[in-house]
Amino acid sequence: MSNTQLKDIIGQAMRLNMKYYSGLFDVTKDYLKALQGLAEQGIAQDTPAKPSPQPAAPAIQPLILAAPAGKVATASFAVTNSTGQEVAADPELSENLKAAGVKAEPTGRMVGKGEDVVFTLKGKPTGKMKLDKDEHGTVSIRPFGDREIPVVLRRLPPAAKPKAKKP
């Protein structure tokens, strides 16, 4: 083999080695970047997350008992017995609703575990109630927790009488 051929072979070997190590360097660099990204994700997941604030219990919409004076107004609500035992369910009305004559039905009903029951409130606005002043109070079923449901007794204006048609 001549000297020039040997120089060419060694030169080609050196170029191939440089390409090989350059490619190996690029692959290693990409691998290390990916490894760094995974490590950062792992660290972020391992740090204890700040407890997110618990959403407030949704506001309970009031039951509206609305009717003209002397007419009966009704509103109903349902509850589920989640106490795990049969209990007597008596709706408890606030004193001002009792004084306004609001009644709850049924009373003293035995409710089995997991059973749903619907209660109805009845009230009759009087002529003494002002049209622009509502009577506010609450109703609760104690065996099912201390949750109180707002209740509004409202006197509506009398129904407009239809006008007679002129012939």
N, C-alpha and C. Protein backbone atom coordinates (compact mmCIF):
# COMPACT_ATOMS: atom_id res chain seq x y z
N MET A 1 0.84 -1.16 0.00
CA MET A 1 0.00 0.00 0.00
C MET A 1 0.90 1.24 0.00
N SER A 2 0.45 2.18 -0.77
CA SER A 2 1.26 3.39 -0.88
C SER A 2 0.93 4.34 0.25
N ASN A 3 1.78 5.28 0.38
CA ASN A 3 1.64 6.29 1.42
C ASN A 3 0.37 7.13 1.23
N THR A 4 0.05 7.49 0.06
CA THR A 4 -1.14 8.30 -0.22
C THR A 4 -2.41 7.51 0.06
N GLN A 5 -2.40 6.25 -0.28
CA GLN A 5 -3.59 5.43 0.00
C GLN A 5 -3.79 5.29 1.51
N LEU A 6 -2.70 5.13 2.22
CA LEU A 6 -2.78 5.01 3.68
C LEU A 6 -3.30 6.31 4.29
N LYS A 7 -2.84 7.45 3.78
CA LYS A 7 -3.32 8.75 4.26
C LYS A 7 -4.83 8.89 3.98
N ASP A 8 -5.30 8.47 2.83
CA ASP A 8 -6.73 8.55 2.48
C ASP A 8 -7.56 7.68 3.43
N ILE A 9 -7.10 6.49 3.70
CA ILE A 9 -7.85 5.58 4.58
C ILE A 9 -7.91 6.15 5.99
N ILE A 10 -6.82 6.64 6.47
CA ILE A 10 -6.80 7.23 7.82
C ILE A 10 -7.68 8.49 7.86
N GLY A 11 -7.61 9.29 6.83
CA GLY A 11 -8.46 10.50 6.75
C GLY A 11 -9.94 10.15 6.76
N GLN A 12 -10.32 9.14 5.99
CA GLN A 12 -11.73 8.71 5.96
C GLN A 12 -12.15 8.16 7.33
N ALA A 13 -11.26 7.41 7.97
CA ALA A 13 -11.55 6.86 9.30
C ALA A 13 -11.75 7.99 10.30
N MET A 14 -10.93 9.02 10.21
CA MET A 14 -11.06 10.16 11.12
C MET A 14 -12.38 10.91 10.88
N ARG A 15 -12.73 11.11 9.61
CA ARG A 15 -14.01 11.78 9.29
C ARG A 15 -15.19 10.96 9.82
N LEU A 16 -15.14 9.63 9.62
CA LEU A 16 -16.22 8.77 10.12
C LEU A 16 -16.30 8.82 11.65
N ASN A 17 -15.13 8.81 12.30
CA ASN A 17 -15.13 8.92 13.76
C ASN A 17 -15.73 10.25 14.22
N MET A 18 -15.41 11.33 13.52
CA MET A 18 -15.95 12.65 13.88
C MET A 18 -17.46 12.68 13.69
N LYS A 19 -17.96 12.11 12.59
CA LYS A 19 -19.41 12.06 12.35
C LYS A 19 -20.09 11.20 13.43
N TYR A 20 -19.44 10.07 13.75
CA TYR A 20 -20.01 9.18 14.76
C TYR A 20 -20.13 9.89 16.10
N TYR A 21 -19.04 10.52 16.56
CA TYR A 21 -19.06 11.17 17.87
C TYR A 21 -19.94 12.42 17.87
N SER A 22 -20.03 13.09 16.75
CA SER A 22 -20.92 14.25 16.65
C SER A 22 -22.38 13.80 16.78
N GLY A 23 -22.76 12.73 16.08
CA GLY A 23 -24.12 12.19 16.19
C GLY A 23 -24.41 11.68 17.59
N LEU A 24 -23.41 10.97 18.18
CA LEU A 24 -23.57 10.48 19.56
C LEU A 24 -23.75 11.64 20.53
N PHE A 25 -23.01 12.73 20.31
CA PHE A 25 -23.15 13.92 21.16
C PHE A 25 -24.57 14.50 21.05
N ASP A 26 -25.12 14.62 19.82
CA ASP A 26 -26.48 15.16 19.62
C ASP A 26 -27.52 14.29 20.31
N VAL A 27 -27.40 12.96 20.16
CA VAL A 27 -28.35 12.04 20.80
C VAL A 27 -28.27 12.16 22.32
N THR A 28 -27.05 12.24 22.84
CA THR A 28 -26.86 12.36 24.29
C THR A 28 -27.44 13.68 24.80
N LYS A 29 -27.24 14.74 24.06
CA LYS A 29 -27.77 16.06 24.43
C LYS A 29 -29.30 16.02 24.48
N ASP A 30 -29.94 15.44 23.47
CA ASP A 30 -31.41 15.33 23.44
C ASP A 30 -31.90 14.45 24.59
N TYR A 31 -31.18 13.37 24.86
CA TYR A 31 -31.55 12.46 25.96
C TYR A 31 -31.51 13.21 27.29
N LEU A 32 -30.44 13.98 27.51
CA LEU A 32 -30.31 14.70 28.77
C LEU A 32 -31.40 15.78 28.92
N LYS A 33 -31.78 16.43 27.82
CA LYS A 33 -32.87 17.42 27.88
C LYS A 33 -34.18 16.74 28.27
N ALA A 34 -34.46 15.58 27.66
CA ALA A 34 -35.69 14.86 27.98
C ALA A 34 -35.66 14.40 29.43
N LEU A 35 -34.51 13.92 29.89
CA LEU A 35 -34.38 13.47 31.27
C LEU A 35 -34.59 14.63 32.24
N GLN A 36 -34.06 15.79 31.89
CA GLN A 36 -34.24 16.97 32.73
C GLN A 36 -35.72 17.35 32.82
N GLY A 37 -36.43 17.30 31.68
CA GLY A 37 -37.87 17.61 31.68
C GLY A 37 -38.65 16.65 32.56
N LEU A 38 -38.33 15.37 32.48
CA LEU A 38 -39.01 14.38 33.33
C LEU A 38 -38.71 14.61 34.80
N ALA A 39 -37.47 14.95 35.11
CA ALA A 39 -37.09 15.20 36.49
C ALA A 39 -37.84 16.42 37.04
N GLU A 40 -37.96 17.46 36.23
CA GLU A 40 -38.69 18.66 36.68
C GLU A 40 -40.16 18.36 36.90
N GLN A 41 -40.74 17.53 36.03
CA GLN A 41 -42.14 17.14 36.23
C GLN A 41 -42.30 16.34 37.50
N GLY A 42 -41.38 15.42 37.74
CA GLY A 42 -41.44 14.59 38.94
C GLY A 42 -41.31 15.42 40.19
N ILE A 43 -40.43 16.39 40.18
CA ILE A 43 -40.25 17.27 41.34
C ILE A 43 -41.51 18.09 41.56
N ALA A 44 -42.09 18.59 40.47
CA ALA A 44 -43.31 19.39 40.59
C ALA A 44 -44.45 18.54 41.15
N GLN A 45 -44.52 17.26 40.78
CA GLN A 45 -45.60 16.40 41.27
C GLN A 45 -45.35 15.98 42.71
N ASP A 46 -44.07 15.88 43.12
CA ASP A 46 -43.75 15.45 44.47
C ASP A 46 -43.98 16.53 45.50
N THR A 47 -43.91 17.79 45.10
CA THR A 47 -44.13 18.86 46.05
C THR A 47 -45.58 18.85 46.47
N PRO A 48 -45.83 18.97 47.76
CA PRO A 48 -47.23 18.93 48.21
C PRO A 48 -48.01 20.11 47.64
N ALA A 49 -49.11 19.79 47.05
CA ALA A 49 -49.96 20.83 46.47
C ALA A 49 -50.66 21.58 47.59
N LYS A 50 -50.81 22.86 47.37
CA LYS A 50 -51.55 23.65 48.35
C LYS A 50 -53.00 23.18 48.32
N PRO A 51 -53.59 22.99 49.48
CA PRO A 51 -54.98 22.53 49.47
C PRO A 51 -55.86 23.57 48.81
N SER A 52 -56.64 23.11 47.86
CA SER A 52 -57.53 24.03 47.17
C SER A 52 -58.69 24.36 48.10
N PRO A 53 -59.14 25.59 48.08
CA PRO A 53 -60.24 25.95 48.97
C PRO A 53 -61.49 25.17 48.59
N GLN A 54 -62.16 24.66 49.60
CA GLN A 54 -63.39 23.92 49.38
C GLN A 54 -64.48 24.89 48.96
N PRO A 55 -65.22 24.55 47.92
CA PRO A 55 -66.30 25.45 47.53
C PRO A 55 -67.35 25.51 48.64
N ALA A 56 -67.88 26.67 48.80
CA ALA A 56 -68.93 26.83 49.82
C ALA A 56 -70.14 26.02 49.40
N ALA A 57 -70.87 25.56 50.41
CA ALA A 57 -72.10 24.82 50.11
C ALA A 57 -73.01 25.75 49.32
N PRO A 58 -73.66 25.21 48.30
CA PRO A 58 -74.51 26.08 47.50
C PRO A 58 -75.61 26.69 48.36
N ALA A 59 -75.89 27.94 48.07
CA ALA A 59 -76.93 28.62 48.82
C ALA A 59 -78.27 27.93 48.56
N ILE A 60 -79.03 27.78 49.63
CA ILE A 60 -80.33 27.15 49.50
C ILE A 60 -81.33 28.23 49.09
N GLN A 61 -82.01 27.98 47.99
CA GLN A 61 -83.01 28.94 47.53
C GLN A 61 -84.21 28.87 48.47
N PRO A 62 -84.80 30.00 48.78
CA PRO A 62 -85.94 29.99 49.70
C PRO A 62 -87.19 29.37 49.06
N LEU A 63 -87.99 28.78 49.90
CA LEU A 63 -89.31 28.32 49.48
C LEU A 63 -90.22 29.54 49.56
N ILE A 64 -90.94 29.82 48.50
CA ILE A 64 -91.81 31.00 48.45
C ILE A 64 -93.26 30.54 48.57
N LEU A 65 -93.93 31.01 49.61
CA LEU A 65 -95.36 30.79 49.78
C LEU A 65 -96.03 32.12 49.42
N ALA A 66 -96.59 32.20 48.23
CA ALA A 66 -97.14 33.47 47.77
C ALA A 66 -98.56 33.27 47.28
N ALA A 67 -99.46 34.11 47.80
CA ALA A 67 -100.87 34.05 47.41
C ALA A 67 -101.53 35.36 47.83
N PRO A 68 -102.68 35.68 47.22
CA PRO A 68 -103.44 36.84 47.70
C PRO A 68 -103.97 36.57 49.11
N ALA A 69 -104.33 37.61 49.80
CA ALA A 69 -104.85 37.47 51.17
C ALA A 69 -106.03 36.50 51.19
N GLY A 70 -106.01 35.59 52.17
CA GLY A 70 -107.10 34.63 52.34
C GLY A 70 -106.97 33.37 51.50
N LYS A 71 -106.05 33.35 50.56
CA LYS A 71 -105.85 32.17 49.70
C LYS A 71 -104.66 31.36 50.24
N VAL A 72 -104.71 30.05 50.04
CA VAL A 72 -103.65 29.18 50.53
C VAL A 72 -102.50 29.12 49.52
N ALA A 73 -101.29 29.30 50.04
CA ALA A 73 -100.07 29.17 49.24
C ALA A 73 -99.34 27.91 49.69
N THR A 74 -98.77 27.17 48.76
CA THR A 74 -98.05 25.95 49.12
C THR A 74 -96.67 25.92 48.47
N ALA A 75 -95.78 25.20 49.11
CA ALA A 75 -94.44 24.94 48.56
C ALA A 75 -93.99 23.61 49.14
N SER A 76 -93.27 22.84 48.35
CA SER A 76 -92.82 21.52 48.79
C SER A 76 -91.31 21.40 48.66
N PHE A 77 -90.75 20.52 49.47
CA PHE A 77 -89.32 20.20 49.39
C PHE A 77 -89.13 18.74 49.76
N ALA A 78 -88.07 18.16 49.26
CA ALA A 78 -87.79 16.75 49.51
C ALA A 78 -86.48 16.60 50.28
N VAL A 79 -86.43 15.58 51.14
CA VAL A 79 -85.20 15.24 51.84
C VAL A 79 -85.01 13.73 51.76
N THR A 80 -83.75 13.30 51.89
CA THR A 80 -83.41 11.88 51.89
C THR A 80 -82.84 11.52 53.24
N ASN A 81 -83.30 10.41 53.78
CA ASN A 81 -82.79 9.94 55.06
C ASN A 81 -81.46 9.24 54.81
N SER A 82 -80.37 9.92 55.12
CA SER A 82 -79.05 9.33 54.95
C SER A 82 -78.41 9.03 56.30
N THR A 83 -79.23 8.90 57.35
CA THR A 83 -78.72 8.65 58.69
C THR A 83 -78.35 7.19 58.91
N GLY A 84 -78.82 6.28 58.04
CA GLY A 84 -78.52 4.87 58.21
C GLY A 84 -79.49 4.14 59.12
N GLN A 85 -80.52 4.83 59.56
CA GLN A 85 -81.54 4.20 60.41
C GLN A 85 -82.88 4.85 60.17
N GLU A 86 -83.94 4.19 60.60
CA GLU A 86 -85.28 4.76 60.47
C GLU A 86 -85.45 5.83 61.54
N VAL A 87 -85.98 6.98 61.14
CA VAL A 87 -86.16 8.08 62.09
C VAL A 87 -87.53 8.73 61.88
N ALA A 88 -88.02 9.37 62.94
CA ALA A 88 -89.25 10.16 62.85
C ALA A 88 -88.86 11.53 62.35
N ALA A 89 -89.51 11.98 61.30
CA ALA A 89 -89.19 13.27 60.69
C ALA A 89 -90.32 14.25 60.93
N ASP A 90 -90.03 15.26 61.73
CA ASP A 90 -90.98 16.33 62.00
C ASP A 90 -90.39 17.65 61.53
N PRO A 91 -91.02 18.31 60.56
CA PRO A 91 -90.52 19.62 60.15
C PRO A 91 -90.65 20.62 61.30
N GLU A 92 -89.61 21.39 61.52
CA GLU A 92 -89.64 22.42 62.56
C GLU A 92 -89.66 23.78 61.88
N LEU A 93 -90.70 24.55 62.15
CA LEU A 93 -90.84 25.89 61.59
C LEU A 93 -90.34 26.91 62.59
N SER A 94 -89.77 28.00 62.09
CA SER A 94 -89.35 29.07 62.98
C SER A 94 -90.59 29.72 63.59
N GLU A 95 -90.39 30.37 64.72
CA GLU A 95 -91.51 30.93 65.49
C GLU A 95 -92.33 31.94 64.70
N ASN A 96 -91.68 32.78 63.91
CA ASN A 96 -92.44 33.79 63.17
C ASN A 96 -93.31 33.16 62.08
N LEU A 97 -92.88 32.03 61.50
CA LEU A 97 -93.74 31.35 60.52
C LEU A 97 -94.91 30.67 61.22
N LYS A 98 -94.66 30.10 62.39
CA LYS A 98 -95.76 29.50 63.17
C LYS A 98 -96.78 30.58 63.51
N ALA A 99 -96.29 31.75 63.94
CA ALA A 99 -97.18 32.84 64.30
C ALA A 99 -97.97 33.33 63.09
N ALA A 100 -97.42 33.21 61.90
CA ALA A 100 -98.11 33.63 60.67
C ALA A 100 -99.07 32.56 60.18
N GLY A 101 -99.12 31.41 60.87
CA GLY A 101 -100.08 30.36 60.50
C GLY A 101 -99.56 29.34 59.49
N VAL A 102 -98.27 29.33 59.22
CA VAL A 102 -97.71 28.36 58.27
C VAL A 102 -97.70 26.98 58.94
N LYS A 103 -98.10 25.97 58.20
CA LYS A 103 -98.14 24.58 58.68
C LYS A 103 -97.29 23.72 57.77
N ALA A 104 -96.75 22.62 58.32
CA ALA A 104 -95.95 21.66 57.55
C ALA A 104 -96.63 20.30 57.60
N GLU A 105 -96.65 19.62 56.48
CA GLU A 105 -97.24 18.28 56.40
C GLU A 105 -96.28 17.36 55.67
N PRO A 106 -96.21 16.10 55.92
CA PRO A 106 -96.77 15.38 57.05
C PRO A 106 -95.91 15.61 58.29
N THR A 107 -96.46 15.32 59.45
CA THR A 107 -95.71 15.43 60.69
C THR A 107 -95.59 14.04 61.31
N GLY A 108 -94.54 13.83 62.05
CA GLY A 108 -94.34 12.57 62.75
C GLY A 108 -94.19 11.36 61.84
N ARG A 109 -93.79 11.57 60.61
CA ARG A 109 -93.68 10.46 59.66
C ARG A 109 -92.39 9.69 59.89
N MET A 110 -92.48 8.37 59.93
CA MET A 110 -91.29 7.53 60.04
C MET A 110 -90.68 7.40 58.63
N VAL A 111 -89.39 7.66 58.55
CA VAL A 111 -88.70 7.62 57.27
C VAL A 111 -87.59 6.57 57.37
N GLY A 112 -87.66 5.55 56.51
CA GLY A 112 -86.67 4.48 56.50
C GLY A 112 -85.34 4.98 55.96
N LYS A 113 -84.26 4.22 56.27
CA LYS A 113 -82.94 4.63 55.80
C LYS A 113 -82.90 4.61 54.28
N GLY A 114 -82.35 5.69 53.73
CA GLY A 114 -82.27 5.83 52.28
C GLY A 114 -83.56 6.26 51.62
N GLU A 115 -84.62 6.41 52.37
CA GLU A 115 -85.93 6.77 51.81
C GLU A 115 -86.03 8.29 51.61
N ASP A 116 -86.72 8.68 50.55
CA ASP A 116 -87.00 10.10 50.28
C ASP A 116 -88.39 10.42 50.81
N VAL A 117 -88.55 11.64 51.30
CA VAL A 117 -89.86 12.08 51.75
C VAL A 117 -90.06 13.53 51.29
N VAL A 118 -91.27 13.83 50.88
CA VAL A 118 -91.62 15.18 50.43
C VAL A 118 -92.49 15.84 51.49
N PHE A 119 -92.09 17.02 51.91
CA PHE A 119 -92.86 17.79 52.88
C PHE A 119 -93.48 18.98 52.15
N THR A 120 -94.66 19.36 52.59
CA THR A 120 -95.36 20.50 52.00
C THR A 120 -95.64 21.53 53.08
N LEU A 121 -95.35 22.77 52.77
CA LEU A 121 -95.67 23.88 53.65
C LEU A 121 -96.90 24.58 53.10
N LYS A 122 -97.82 24.96 53.99
CA LYS A 122 -99.02 25.69 53.58
C LYS A 122 -99.14 26.93 54.45
N GLY A 123 -99.42 28.01 53.79
CA GLY A 123 -99.61 29.27 54.51
C GLY A 123 -100.69 30.09 53.83
N LYS A 124 -101.35 30.91 54.63
CA LYS A 124 -102.42 31.74 54.10
C LYS A 124 -102.13 33.19 54.50
N PRO A 125 -101.63 34.00 53.56
CA PRO A 125 -101.39 35.40 53.89
C PRO A 125 -102.71 36.08 54.31
N THR A 126 -102.60 36.93 55.29
CA THR A 126 -103.80 37.62 55.79
C THR A 126 -103.87 39.02 55.20
N GLY A 127 -105.02 39.63 55.34
CA GLY A 127 -105.21 40.99 54.88
C GLY A 127 -104.38 41.98 55.69
N LYS A 128 -103.93 41.57 56.88
CA LYS A 128 -103.11 42.43 57.72
C LYS A 128 -101.67 42.55 57.18
N MET A 129 -101.25 41.57 56.39
CA MET A 129 -99.89 41.62 55.83
C MET A 129 -99.82 42.70 54.76
N LYS A 130 -98.75 43.47 54.80
CA LYS A 130 -98.56 44.49 53.77
C LYS A 130 -98.04 43.83 52.50
N LEU A 131 -98.42 44.39 51.37
CA LEU A 131 -97.99 43.83 50.08
C LEU A 131 -96.48 43.89 49.90
N ASP A 132 -95.84 44.89 50.47
CA ASP A 132 -94.41 45.05 50.25
C ASP A 132 -93.54 44.50 51.39
N LYS A 133 -94.15 43.78 52.33
CA LYS A 133 -93.39 43.25 53.46
C LYS A 133 -93.59 41.74 53.56
N ASP A 134 -92.52 40.99 53.33
CA ASP A 134 -92.56 39.53 53.40
C ASP A 134 -92.32 39.07 54.84
N GLU A 135 -92.82 37.89 55.15
CA GLU A 135 -92.55 37.24 56.43
C GLU A 135 -91.48 36.19 56.16
N HIS A 136 -90.31 36.33 56.79
CA HIS A 136 -89.19 35.41 56.57
C HIS A 136 -89.05 34.46 57.74
N GLY A 137 -88.64 33.23 57.45
CA GLY A 137 -88.39 32.25 58.49
C GLY A 137 -87.66 31.06 57.90
N THR A 138 -87.62 29.97 58.66
CA THR A 138 -86.93 28.77 58.20
C THR A 138 -87.72 27.52 58.58
N VAL A 139 -87.40 26.43 57.87
CA VAL A 139 -87.91 25.12 58.21
C VAL A 139 -86.72 24.17 58.20
N SER A 140 -86.72 23.23 59.14
CA SER A 140 -85.64 22.24 59.19
C SER A 140 -86.20 20.90 59.63
N ILE A 141 -85.48 19.85 59.28
CA ILE A 141 -85.81 18.49 59.70
C ILE A 141 -84.60 18.02 60.50
N ARG A 142 -84.63 18.13 61.81
CA ARG A 142 -83.45 17.89 62.65
C ARG A 142 -82.82 16.51 62.49
N PRO A 143 -83.57 15.41 62.38
CA PRO A 143 -82.87 14.12 62.25
C PRO A 143 -81.97 14.06 61.01
N PHE A 144 -82.21 14.91 60.03
CA PHE A 144 -81.43 14.88 58.79
C PHE A 144 -80.34 15.94 58.80
N GLY A 145 -80.02 16.50 59.94
CA GLY A 145 -78.97 17.52 60.04
C GLY A 145 -79.56 18.85 60.45
N ASP A 146 -78.67 19.80 60.66
CA ASP A 146 -79.10 21.12 61.12
C ASP A 146 -79.29 22.10 59.97
N ARG A 147 -79.49 21.60 58.79
CA ARG A 147 -79.66 22.47 57.62
C ARG A 147 -81.03 23.13 57.68
N GLU A 148 -81.03 24.43 57.56
CA GLU A 148 -82.29 25.17 57.59
C GLU A 148 -82.60 25.68 56.18
N ILE A 149 -83.85 25.55 55.82
CA ILE A 149 -84.30 26.00 54.50
C ILE A 149 -85.03 27.32 54.70
N PRO A 150 -84.60 28.37 54.01
CA PRO A 150 -85.30 29.64 54.15
C PRO A 150 -86.70 29.57 53.53
N VAL A 151 -87.64 30.25 54.18
CA VAL A 151 -89.03 30.28 53.72
C VAL A 151 -89.49 31.74 53.72
N VAL A 152 -90.23 32.10 52.66
CA VAL A 152 -90.79 33.44 52.57
C VAL A 152 -92.30 33.32 52.37
N LEU A 153 -93.07 33.97 53.25
CA LEU A 153 -94.52 34.06 53.09
C LEU A 153 -94.81 35.45 52.53
N ARG A 154 -95.45 35.47 51.36
CA ARG A 154 -95.66 36.73 50.65
C ARG A 154 -97.14 36.90 50.29
N ARG A 155 -97.66 38.08 50.58
CA ARG A 155 -99.02 38.42 50.16
C ARG A 155 -98.95 39.05 48.78
N LEU A 156 -99.71 38.45 47.86
CA LEU A 156 -99.79 38.99 46.51
C LEU A 156 -101.00 39.89 46.39
N PRO A 157 -100.99 40.82 45.43
CA PRO A 157 -102.19 41.63 45.22
C PRO A 157 -103.32 40.72 44.72
N PRO A 158 -104.56 41.12 44.96
CA PRO A 158 -105.67 40.30 44.47
C PRO A 158 -105.62 40.16 42.95
N ALA A 159 -106.09 39.02 42.48
CA ALA A 159 -106.11 38.78 41.04
C ALA A 159 -107.02 39.81 40.37
N ALA A 160 -106.56 40.32 39.25
CA ALA A 160 -107.37 41.30 38.50
C ALA A 160 -108.58 40.59 37.92
N LYS A 161 -109.73 41.22 38.09
CA LYS A 161 -110.95 40.62 37.55
C LYS A 161 -111.03 40.95 36.07
N PRO A 162 -111.40 39.96 35.25
CA PRO A 162 -111.51 40.23 33.82
C PRO A 162 -112.62 41.24 33.56
N LYS A 163 -112.33 42.15 32.67
CA LYS A 163 -113.34 43.17 32.32
C LYS A 163 -114.36 42.55 31.39
N ALA A 164 -115.61 42.91 31.62
CA ALA A 164 -116.69 42.40 30.75
C ALA A 164 -116.60 43.07 29.39
N LYS A 165 -116.82 42.28 28.37
CA LYS A 165 -116.78 42.83 27.00
C LYS A 165 -118.05 43.63 26.75
N LYS A 166 -117.89 44.73 26.12
CA LYS A 166 -119.05 45.57 25.79
C LYS A 166 -119.65 45.05 24.49
N PRO A 167 -120.98 44.94 24.43
CA PRO A 167 -121.61 44.44 23.19
C PRO A 167 -121.56 45.43 22.07
